[in-house]
Amino acid sequence: MPISTFLSFYTPPASWLQSGSVAGSLGTTFIGATDVNPLLFKIGGTSAGILGATANTAFGVGANNADSLSNAGTYNTAIGLYSLSRNRGSLNTAIGSYSMFYNTTGSQNVALGSNSLYNNITGQKNSAFGAGALENNTSGDDNTAVGQDALLANTTGIRNIGIGWNGFANNFTGGQNVGIGYGAG
């Protein structure tokens, strides 16, 4: 039988292939599930991403406690290697490798930059922008750190603002302070 005859009878499978798939119309061709179960991505057997029915979105190996889907909090976004790795809190956004790594029940936090809010465990409503910003915060609430290592040493301090590289980096437990500029505070 000539190959052209064989190809005329060939119908591509209705699943995604490693070598590509035949495109269908928008809305009928997709990667995902038709039920409410989360879509989980793995690399070498390790969780590397999730799109979940509990409104969690995570991409990166170990991001958002993906190995414990029932215990990963709700409405979280984690992008980066081990960001929100131990998370059970809700309404957190962590972007950057190891951002909010130790967070367990802390909620309503934003961490942007590698190691930002790294040691946060129960802290709430913190904003950390820059590598290492609020890195040692464990339970401090309502802090804002903008810049690399801003509010770096803060552990339990509340309502502090550190802006600039190392901005107010030496505050450990103080509250309601402002440090602006290179190495301020």
N, C-alpha and C. Protein backbone atom coordinates (compact mmCIF):
# COMPACT_ATOMS: atom_id res chain seq x y z
N MET A 1 0.86 -1.16 0.00
CA MET A 1 0.00 0.00 0.00
C MET A 1 0.91 1.23 0.00
N PRO A 2 0.71 2.17 -0.91
CA PRO A 2 1.53 3.38 -0.92
C PRO A 2 1.26 4.22 0.32
N ILE A 3 2.28 4.97 0.77
CA ILE A 3 2.17 5.79 1.98
C ILE A 3 1.05 6.82 1.86
N SER A 4 0.81 7.37 0.69
CA SER A 4 -0.25 8.37 0.51
C SER A 4 -1.61 7.77 0.82
N THR A 5 -1.82 6.49 0.47
CA THR A 5 -3.09 5.84 0.77
C THR A 5 -3.23 5.67 2.28
N PHE A 6 -2.15 5.26 2.95
CA PHE A 6 -2.17 5.09 4.39
C PHE A 6 -2.49 6.41 5.10
N LEU A 7 -1.83 7.50 4.69
CA LEU A 7 -2.04 8.80 5.33
C LEU A 7 -3.46 9.32 5.15
N SER A 8 -4.09 8.98 4.05
CA SER A 8 -5.45 9.47 3.84
C SER A 8 -6.44 8.83 4.82
N PHE A 9 -6.08 7.67 5.40
CA PHE A 9 -6.95 7.02 6.38
C PHE A 9 -6.56 7.33 7.81
N TYR A 10 -5.44 8.03 8.01
CA TYR A 10 -4.93 8.31 9.35
C TYR A 10 -5.69 9.46 9.99
N THR A 11 -6.17 9.26 11.19
CA THR A 11 -6.83 10.31 11.96
C THR A 11 -5.99 10.54 13.21
N PRO A 12 -5.55 11.78 13.42
CA PRO A 12 -4.72 12.05 14.61
C PRO A 12 -5.48 11.74 15.89
N PRO A 13 -4.76 11.33 16.93
CA PRO A 13 -5.42 11.05 18.22
C PRO A 13 -5.99 12.33 18.82
N ALA A 14 -6.98 12.18 19.69
CA ALA A 14 -7.65 13.33 20.32
C ALA A 14 -6.98 13.72 21.62
N SER A 15 -5.67 13.50 21.72
CA SER A 15 -4.95 13.87 22.93
C SER A 15 -3.70 14.65 22.54
N TRP A 16 -3.07 15.26 23.54
CA TRP A 16 -1.85 16.02 23.29
C TRP A 16 -0.68 15.08 23.11
N LEU A 17 0.18 15.39 22.17
CA LEU A 17 1.34 14.57 21.87
C LEU A 17 2.61 15.33 22.17
N GLN A 18 3.68 14.61 22.49
CA GLN A 18 4.96 15.27 22.74
C GLN A 18 5.48 15.97 21.49
N SER A 19 5.11 15.49 20.33
CA SER A 19 5.58 16.09 19.09
C SER A 19 4.63 17.16 18.56
N GLY A 20 3.62 17.51 19.34
CA GLY A 20 2.66 18.52 18.90
C GLY A 20 1.32 17.89 18.59
N SER A 21 0.30 18.69 18.50
CA SER A 21 -1.04 18.20 18.27
C SER A 21 -1.71 19.03 17.19
N VAL A 22 -2.73 18.46 16.62
CA VAL A 22 -3.49 19.16 15.60
C VAL A 22 -4.34 20.23 16.29
N ALA A 23 -4.23 21.45 15.83
CA ALA A 23 -4.97 22.54 16.45
C ALA A 23 -6.45 22.45 16.12
N GLY A 24 -7.27 22.73 17.08
CA GLY A 24 -8.70 22.79 16.88
C GLY A 24 -9.13 24.24 17.04
N SER A 25 -10.38 24.44 17.25
CA SER A 25 -10.85 25.82 17.43
C SER A 25 -10.64 26.26 18.88
N LEU A 26 -10.57 27.55 19.06
CA LEU A 26 -10.37 28.12 20.39
C LEU A 26 -11.50 27.64 21.31
N GLY A 27 -11.14 27.12 22.45
CA GLY A 27 -12.13 26.64 23.41
C GLY A 27 -12.32 25.13 23.36
N THR A 28 -11.94 24.50 22.25
CA THR A 28 -12.06 23.05 22.19
C THR A 28 -10.70 22.37 22.26
N THR A 29 -9.64 23.08 21.96
CA THR A 29 -8.29 22.54 22.09
C THR A 29 -7.65 23.20 23.30
N PHE A 30 -7.27 22.40 24.28
CA PHE A 30 -6.69 22.96 25.50
C PHE A 30 -5.87 21.92 26.22
N ILE A 31 -5.04 22.38 27.13
CA ILE A 31 -4.34 21.49 28.05
C ILE A 31 -5.06 21.65 29.38
N GLY A 32 -5.50 20.61 29.98
CA GLY A 32 -6.19 20.75 31.24
C GLY A 32 -7.13 19.61 31.51
N ALA A 33 -8.08 19.88 32.37
CA ALA A 33 -9.03 18.87 32.79
C ALA A 33 -10.45 19.39 32.57
N THR A 34 -11.36 18.50 32.40
CA THR A 34 -12.76 18.90 32.23
C THR A 34 -13.54 18.77 33.53
N ASP A 35 -12.86 18.44 34.63
CA ASP A 35 -13.51 18.39 35.93
C ASP A 35 -12.88 19.48 36.83
N VAL A 36 -13.19 19.50 38.12
CA VAL A 36 -12.70 20.55 39.02
C VAL A 36 -11.40 20.18 39.72
N ASN A 37 -10.81 19.06 39.38
CA ASN A 37 -9.54 18.68 40.00
C ASN A 37 -8.42 19.59 39.50
N PRO A 38 -7.46 19.92 40.38
CA PRO A 38 -6.36 20.79 39.98
C PRO A 38 -5.51 20.17 38.88
N LEU A 39 -4.94 21.02 38.07
CA LEU A 39 -3.99 20.59 37.05
C LEU A 39 -2.61 20.72 37.67
N LEU A 40 -1.90 19.61 37.81
CA LEU A 40 -0.62 19.56 38.49
C LEU A 40 0.49 19.28 37.48
N PHE A 41 1.59 20.04 37.58
CA PHE A 41 2.76 19.83 36.74
C PHE A 41 3.86 19.26 37.62
N LYS A 42 4.61 18.30 37.09
CA LYS A 42 5.71 17.70 37.85
C LYS A 42 6.95 17.61 36.97
N ILE A 43 8.10 17.70 37.62
CA ILE A 43 9.39 17.48 36.97
C ILE A 43 10.11 16.42 37.80
N GLY A 44 10.41 15.31 37.20
CA GLY A 44 11.09 14.24 37.92
C GLY A 44 10.34 13.78 39.15
N GLY A 45 9.02 13.80 39.11
CA GLY A 45 8.21 13.36 40.24
C GLY A 45 8.00 14.42 41.31
N THR A 46 8.60 15.60 41.13
CA THR A 46 8.47 16.69 42.11
C THR A 46 7.51 17.74 41.57
N SER A 47 6.61 18.21 42.42
CA SER A 47 5.64 19.22 42.00
C SER A 47 6.35 20.45 41.48
N ALA A 48 5.90 20.95 40.34
CA ALA A 48 6.52 22.12 39.72
C ALA A 48 5.48 23.14 39.27
N GLY A 49 4.22 22.90 39.57
CA GLY A 49 3.20 23.87 39.21
C GLY A 49 1.81 23.32 39.46
N ILE A 50 0.89 24.25 39.69
CA ILE A 50 -0.50 23.85 39.92
C ILE A 50 -1.43 24.99 39.51
N LEU A 51 -2.50 24.61 38.87
CA LEU A 51 -3.63 25.51 38.64
C LEU A 51 -4.78 24.84 39.36
N GLY A 52 -5.25 25.44 40.45
CA GLY A 52 -6.17 24.73 41.31
C GLY A 52 -7.56 25.32 41.42
N ALA A 53 -8.48 24.48 41.79
CA ALA A 53 -9.86 24.88 42.00
C ALA A 53 -10.02 25.77 43.24
N THR A 54 -9.03 25.75 44.14
CA THR A 54 -9.08 26.60 45.33
C THR A 54 -8.44 27.96 45.05
N ALA A 55 -8.34 28.30 43.78
CA ALA A 55 -7.81 29.58 43.32
C ALA A 55 -6.33 29.76 43.60
N ASN A 56 -5.58 28.69 43.78
CA ASN A 56 -4.14 28.76 43.91
C ASN A 56 -3.49 28.59 42.55
N THR A 57 -2.46 29.40 42.32
CA THR A 57 -1.67 29.27 41.10
C THR A 57 -0.21 29.22 41.52
N ALA A 58 0.51 28.20 41.07
CA ALA A 58 1.91 28.06 41.45
C ALA A 58 2.71 27.50 40.29
N PHE A 59 3.89 28.10 40.06
CA PHE A 59 4.83 27.58 39.08
C PHE A 59 6.23 27.67 39.65
N GLY A 60 6.93 26.57 39.66
CA GLY A 60 8.27 26.47 40.21
C GLY A 60 8.33 25.24 41.10
N VAL A 61 9.43 24.55 41.07
CA VAL A 61 9.58 23.34 41.87
C VAL A 61 9.30 23.67 43.34
N GLY A 62 8.39 22.93 43.94
CA GLY A 62 8.04 23.10 45.35
C GLY A 62 7.23 24.33 45.68
N ALA A 63 6.72 25.04 44.70
CA ALA A 63 5.98 26.28 44.96
C ALA A 63 4.59 26.01 45.56
N ASN A 64 4.19 26.82 46.51
CA ASN A 64 2.89 26.78 47.19
C ASN A 64 2.48 25.42 47.74
N ASN A 65 3.41 24.77 48.41
CA ASN A 65 3.06 23.55 49.13
C ASN A 65 2.27 22.58 48.24
N ALA A 66 2.67 22.50 46.97
CA ALA A 66 1.89 21.74 45.99
C ALA A 66 1.82 20.25 46.29
N ASP A 67 2.73 19.71 47.07
CA ASP A 67 2.67 18.29 47.41
C ASP A 67 1.57 17.99 48.42
N SER A 68 1.02 19.04 49.03
CA SER A 68 -0.05 18.87 50.00
C SER A 68 -1.23 19.72 49.55
N LEU A 69 -1.86 19.32 48.46
CA LEU A 69 -2.88 20.15 47.83
C LEU A 69 -4.02 20.55 48.76
N SER A 70 -4.39 19.70 49.68
CA SER A 70 -5.51 20.01 50.56
C SER A 70 -5.10 20.95 51.68
N ASN A 71 -3.81 21.27 51.79
CA ASN A 71 -3.31 22.05 52.91
C ASN A 71 -2.51 23.26 52.45
N ALA A 72 -2.78 23.77 51.25
CA ALA A 72 -1.96 24.83 50.66
C ALA A 72 -2.62 26.21 50.73
N GLY A 73 -3.63 26.38 51.56
CA GLY A 73 -4.31 27.67 51.65
C GLY A 73 -5.15 27.92 50.41
N THR A 74 -5.69 29.14 50.31
CA THR A 74 -6.51 29.50 49.16
C THR A 74 -6.13 30.88 48.65
N TYR A 75 -6.41 31.10 47.39
CA TYR A 75 -6.19 32.39 46.73
C TYR A 75 -4.74 32.86 46.82
N ASN A 76 -3.80 31.96 46.60
CA ASN A 76 -2.37 32.27 46.64
C ASN A 76 -1.79 32.20 45.23
N THR A 77 -0.76 33.02 45.00
CA THR A 77 0.01 32.95 43.77
C THR A 77 1.47 32.80 44.16
N ALA A 78 2.11 31.75 43.68
CA ALA A 78 3.52 31.49 43.98
C ALA A 78 4.25 31.19 42.68
N ILE A 79 5.25 32.01 42.37
CA ILE A 79 6.03 31.79 41.16
C ILE A 79 7.50 31.85 41.54
N GLY A 80 8.19 30.75 41.36
CA GLY A 80 9.61 30.67 41.68
C GLY A 80 9.92 29.44 42.50
N LEU A 81 11.15 29.01 42.40
CA LEU A 81 11.63 27.84 43.11
C LEU A 81 11.31 27.93 44.61
N TYR A 82 10.52 27.02 45.13
CA TYR A 82 10.13 26.91 46.54
C TYR A 82 9.48 28.17 47.12
N SER A 83 8.88 29.00 46.29
CA SER A 83 8.14 30.14 46.85
C SER A 83 6.87 29.62 47.53
N LEU A 84 6.55 30.18 48.69
CA LEU A 84 5.41 29.73 49.50
C LEU A 84 5.45 28.21 49.74
N SER A 85 6.62 27.68 49.93
CA SER A 85 6.84 26.24 49.98
C SER A 85 6.06 25.52 51.09
N ARG A 86 5.88 26.16 52.23
CA ARG A 86 5.21 25.50 53.37
C ARG A 86 3.88 26.15 53.69
N ASN A 87 3.35 26.84 52.76
CA ASN A 87 2.18 27.69 52.96
C ASN A 87 0.89 26.95 53.30
N ARG A 88 0.14 27.53 54.26
CA ARG A 88 -1.24 27.15 54.53
C ARG A 88 -2.09 28.41 54.62
N GLY A 89 -1.45 29.58 54.51
CA GLY A 89 -2.17 30.85 54.58
C GLY A 89 -2.90 31.15 53.29
N SER A 90 -3.59 32.27 53.27
CA SER A 90 -4.39 32.64 52.12
C SER A 90 -4.09 34.07 51.66
N LEU A 91 -4.42 34.33 50.42
CA LEU A 91 -4.32 35.66 49.83
C LEU A 91 -2.88 36.20 49.79
N ASN A 92 -1.91 35.31 49.56
CA ASN A 92 -0.50 35.69 49.47
C ASN A 92 -0.05 35.68 48.02
N THR A 93 0.90 36.57 47.71
CA THR A 93 1.54 36.58 46.41
C THR A 93 3.05 36.55 46.64
N ALA A 94 3.71 35.53 46.13
CA ALA A 94 5.16 35.38 46.28
C ALA A 94 5.77 35.11 44.91
N ILE A 95 6.64 36.02 44.48
CA ILE A 95 7.29 35.88 43.18
C ILE A 95 8.79 36.02 43.39
N GLY A 96 9.52 34.98 43.08
CA GLY A 96 10.97 34.94 43.26
C GLY A 96 11.36 33.69 44.00
N SER A 97 12.51 33.14 43.68
CA SER A 97 12.93 31.90 44.32
C SER A 97 13.02 32.09 45.84
N TYR A 98 12.49 31.14 46.55
CA TYR A 98 12.47 31.09 48.02
C TYR A 98 11.72 32.25 48.67
N SER A 99 10.93 33.00 47.91
CA SER A 99 10.14 34.06 48.53
C SER A 99 9.05 33.42 49.41
N MET A 100 8.92 33.93 50.62
CA MET A 100 7.97 33.43 51.61
C MET A 100 8.13 31.91 51.85
N PHE A 101 9.35 31.44 51.86
CA PHE A 101 9.66 30.02 51.98
C PHE A 101 9.02 29.38 53.21
N TYR A 102 9.16 29.98 54.39
CA TYR A 102 8.68 29.39 55.64
C TYR A 102 7.25 29.80 56.01
N ASN A 103 6.59 30.58 55.18
CA ASN A 103 5.24 31.03 55.53
C ASN A 103 4.34 29.83 55.81
N THR A 104 3.67 29.86 56.96
CA THR A 104 2.71 28.79 57.25
C THR A 104 1.30 29.37 57.26
N THR A 105 0.99 30.25 58.22
CA THR A 105 -0.37 30.78 58.31
C THR A 105 -0.46 32.28 58.00
N GLY A 106 0.66 32.90 57.67
CA GLY A 106 0.62 34.31 57.30
C GLY A 106 -0.26 34.52 56.08
N SER A 107 -1.04 35.60 56.09
CA SER A 107 -1.96 35.87 54.99
C SER A 107 -1.86 37.32 54.55
N GLN A 108 -2.31 37.55 53.33
CA GLN A 108 -2.38 38.89 52.75
C GLN A 108 -1.00 39.55 52.66
N ASN A 109 0.02 38.78 52.30
CA ASN A 109 1.37 39.29 52.13
C ASN A 109 1.73 39.34 50.65
N VAL A 110 2.64 40.25 50.31
CA VAL A 110 3.18 40.33 48.95
C VAL A 110 4.70 40.31 49.07
N ALA A 111 5.33 39.37 48.37
CA ALA A 111 6.79 39.26 48.36
C ALA A 111 7.25 39.16 46.92
N LEU A 112 8.08 40.13 46.51
CA LEU A 112 8.58 40.16 45.14
C LEU A 112 10.10 40.28 45.18
N GLY A 113 10.79 39.20 44.85
CA GLY A 113 12.25 39.16 44.88
C GLY A 113 12.72 37.92 45.61
N SER A 114 13.84 37.38 45.18
CA SER A 114 14.34 36.17 45.83
C SER A 114 14.57 36.41 47.31
N ASN A 115 14.19 35.44 48.11
CA ASN A 115 14.31 35.46 49.57
C ASN A 115 13.51 36.55 50.26
N SER A 116 12.64 37.25 49.57
CA SER A 116 11.82 38.25 50.24
C SER A 116 10.81 37.55 51.15
N LEU A 117 10.66 38.07 52.36
CA LEU A 117 9.81 37.47 53.40
C LEU A 117 10.13 35.98 53.60
N TYR A 118 11.37 35.61 53.43
CA TYR A 118 11.82 34.21 53.49
C TYR A 118 11.41 33.50 54.78
N ASN A 119 11.63 34.12 55.92
CA ASN A 119 11.36 33.49 57.22
C ASN A 119 9.98 33.79 57.79
N ASN A 120 9.15 34.47 57.03
CA ASN A 120 7.81 34.79 57.54
C ASN A 120 7.06 33.51 57.88
N ILE A 121 6.48 33.48 59.06
CA ILE A 121 5.71 32.31 59.49
C ILE A 121 4.24 32.68 59.65
N THR A 122 3.98 33.72 60.47
CA THR A 122 2.59 34.12 60.74
C THR A 122 2.33 35.58 60.41
N GLY A 123 3.33 36.30 59.96
CA GLY A 123 3.16 37.73 59.66
C GLY A 123 2.06 37.98 58.64
N GLN A 124 1.33 39.06 58.84
CA GLN A 124 0.19 39.40 57.98
C GLN A 124 0.36 40.78 57.36
N LYS A 125 -0.16 40.94 56.16
CA LYS A 125 -0.26 42.24 55.49
C LYS A 125 1.08 42.94 55.34
N ASN A 126 2.12 42.19 55.00
CA ASN A 126 3.44 42.75 54.75
C ASN A 126 3.66 42.88 53.25
N SER A 127 4.45 43.88 52.87
CA SER A 127 4.82 44.07 51.47
C SER A 127 6.33 44.15 51.38
N ALA A 128 6.93 43.24 50.62
CA ALA A 128 8.39 43.19 50.49
C ALA A 128 8.75 43.17 49.01
N PHE A 129 9.47 44.20 48.57
CA PHE A 129 9.84 44.33 47.16
C PHE A 129 11.36 44.47 47.06
N GLY A 130 12.03 43.44 46.58
CA GLY A 130 13.48 43.43 46.43
C GLY A 130 14.06 42.18 47.04
N ALA A 131 15.16 41.73 46.49
CA ALA A 131 15.83 40.53 47.02
C ALA A 131 16.16 40.73 48.49
N GLY A 132 15.74 39.81 49.33
CA GLY A 132 16.04 39.86 50.76
C GLY A 132 15.20 40.85 51.55
N ALA A 133 14.26 41.52 50.94
CA ALA A 133 13.41 42.47 51.67
C ALA A 133 12.60 41.73 52.73
N LEU A 134 12.63 42.21 53.96
CA LEU A 134 11.92 41.59 55.09
C LEU A 134 12.27 40.10 55.22
N GLU A 135 13.48 39.74 54.87
CA GLU A 135 13.88 38.32 54.83
C GLU A 135 13.73 37.61 56.17
N ASN A 136 14.00 38.29 57.28
CA ASN A 136 13.96 37.62 58.59
C ASN A 136 12.68 37.86 59.37
N ASN A 137 11.71 38.50 58.75
CA ASN A 137 10.43 38.70 59.42
C ASN A 137 9.80 37.35 59.73
N THR A 138 9.37 37.16 60.98
CA THR A 138 8.71 35.91 61.34
C THR A 138 7.22 36.14 61.65
N SER A 139 6.94 37.18 62.45
CA SER A 139 5.55 37.41 62.83
C SER A 139 5.17 38.89 62.80
N GLY A 140 6.04 39.74 62.31
CA GLY A 140 5.70 41.16 62.22
C GLY A 140 4.61 41.40 61.19
N ASP A 141 3.75 42.37 61.47
CA ASP A 141 2.61 42.68 60.60
C ASP A 141 2.71 44.10 60.04
N ASP A 142 2.07 44.31 58.91
CA ASP A 142 1.87 45.65 58.33
C ASP A 142 3.18 46.38 58.03
N ASN A 143 4.22 45.68 57.61
CA ASN A 143 5.50 46.30 57.27
C ASN A 143 5.61 46.46 55.76
N THR A 144 6.36 47.48 55.35
CA THR A 144 6.62 47.72 53.93
C THR A 144 8.12 47.88 53.73
N ALA A 145 8.70 47.04 52.87
CA ALA A 145 10.12 47.09 52.57
C ALA A 145 10.30 47.18 51.06
N VAL A 146 11.01 48.23 50.62
CA VAL A 146 11.23 48.43 49.19
C VAL A 146 12.73 48.61 48.96
N GLY A 147 13.35 47.64 48.31
CA GLY A 147 14.77 47.69 48.02
C GLY A 147 15.47 46.45 48.55
N GLN A 148 16.61 46.14 47.96
CA GLN A 148 17.35 44.96 48.38
C GLN A 148 17.70 45.05 49.86
N ASP A 149 17.37 44.01 50.60
CA ASP A 149 17.64 43.89 52.03
C ASP A 149 16.97 44.96 52.89
N ALA A 150 15.96 45.63 52.38
CA ALA A 150 15.22 46.60 53.20
C ALA A 150 14.52 45.86 54.34
N LEU A 151 14.59 46.42 55.54
CA LEU A 151 14.03 45.80 56.75
C LEU A 151 14.51 44.35 56.92
N LEU A 152 15.75 44.10 56.55
CA LEU A 152 16.32 42.75 56.55
C LEU A 152 16.23 42.06 57.90
N ALA A 153 16.57 42.74 59.00
CA ALA A 153 16.63 42.11 60.32
C ALA A 153 15.29 42.09 61.04
N ASN A 154 14.30 42.78 60.53
CA ASN A 154 13.00 42.83 61.21
C ASN A 154 12.48 41.41 61.45
N THR A 155 12.11 41.10 62.69
CA THR A 155 11.56 39.79 63.01
C THR A 155 10.10 39.90 63.45
N THR A 156 9.86 40.76 64.44
CA THR A 156 8.50 40.89 64.99
C THR A 156 7.99 42.34 64.96
N GLY A 157 8.79 43.26 64.44
CA GLY A 157 8.37 44.66 64.39
C GLY A 157 7.12 44.85 63.54
N ILE A 158 6.33 45.85 63.92
CA ILE A 158 5.08 46.10 63.19
C ILE A 158 5.05 47.53 62.66
N ARG A 159 4.36 47.68 61.53
CA ARG A 159 4.10 48.99 60.91
C ARG A 159 5.37 49.79 60.65
N ASN A 160 6.39 49.14 60.13
CA ASN A 160 7.64 49.80 59.77
C ASN A 160 7.73 49.98 58.27
N ILE A 161 8.49 51.00 57.85
CA ILE A 161 8.73 51.23 56.43
C ILE A 161 10.23 51.37 56.23
N GLY A 162 10.78 50.58 55.33
CA GLY A 162 12.19 50.67 54.95
C GLY A 162 12.29 50.79 53.45
N ILE A 163 12.91 51.88 52.97
CA ILE A 163 13.01 52.12 51.53
C ILE A 163 14.47 52.36 51.17
N GLY A 164 14.95 51.65 50.15
CA GLY A 164 16.32 51.79 49.68
C GLY A 164 17.13 50.57 50.03
N TRP A 165 18.30 50.44 49.36
CA TRP A 165 19.15 49.30 49.64
C TRP A 165 19.54 49.33 51.11
N ASN A 166 19.23 48.28 51.84
CA ASN A 166 19.48 48.17 53.27
C ASN A 166 18.67 49.19 54.08
N GLY A 167 17.59 49.69 53.51
CA GLY A 167 16.75 50.67 54.20
C GLY A 167 16.20 50.12 55.49
N PHE A 168 16.56 50.72 56.60
CA PHE A 168 16.14 50.34 57.94
C PHE A 168 16.41 48.86 58.21
N ALA A 169 17.55 48.37 57.70
CA ALA A 169 17.89 46.95 57.76
C ALA A 169 18.21 46.45 59.16
N ASN A 170 18.49 47.35 60.12
CA ASN A 170 18.90 46.91 61.47
C ASN A 170 17.77 46.90 62.48
N ASN A 171 16.56 47.15 62.06
CA ASN A 171 15.42 47.09 62.97
C ASN A 171 15.05 45.62 63.21
N PHE A 172 14.96 45.21 64.48
CA PHE A 172 14.58 43.84 64.81
C PHE A 172 13.13 43.75 65.27
N THR A 173 12.77 44.57 66.27
CA THR A 173 11.45 44.46 66.88
C THR A 173 10.71 45.79 66.99
N GLY A 174 11.34 46.86 66.61
CA GLY A 174 10.72 48.18 66.75
C GLY A 174 9.47 48.31 65.90
N GLY A 175 8.64 49.25 66.28
CA GLY A 175 7.39 49.46 65.56
C GLY A 175 7.18 50.91 65.17
N GLN A 176 6.48 51.10 64.08
CA GLN A 176 6.07 52.40 63.58
C GLN A 176 7.27 53.31 63.30
N ASN A 177 8.26 52.77 62.59
CA ASN A 177 9.45 53.51 62.23
C ASN A 177 9.54 53.63 60.71
N VAL A 178 10.30 54.66 60.26
CA VAL A 178 10.53 54.87 58.84
C VAL A 178 12.02 55.07 58.62
N GLY A 179 12.59 54.35 57.66
CA GLY A 179 13.98 54.52 57.27
C GLY A 179 14.04 54.61 55.76
N ILE A 180 14.51 55.76 55.24
CA ILE A 180 14.55 55.97 53.81
C ILE A 180 15.98 56.30 53.38
N GLY A 181 16.45 55.59 52.38
CA GLY A 181 17.76 55.84 51.80
C GLY A 181 18.73 54.71 52.04
N TYR A 182 19.82 54.76 51.31
CA TYR A 182 20.87 53.75 51.38
C TYR A 182 21.34 53.56 52.82
N GLY A 183 21.14 52.39 53.38
CA GLY A 183 21.60 52.07 54.72
C GLY A 183 20.93 52.84 55.84
N ALA A 184 19.82 53.51 55.59
CA ALA A 184 19.15 54.29 56.63
C ALA A 184 18.68 53.39 57.77
N GLY A 185 18.87 53.87 59.00
CA GLY A 185 18.38 53.14 60.16
C GLY A 185 19.33 52.11 60.63
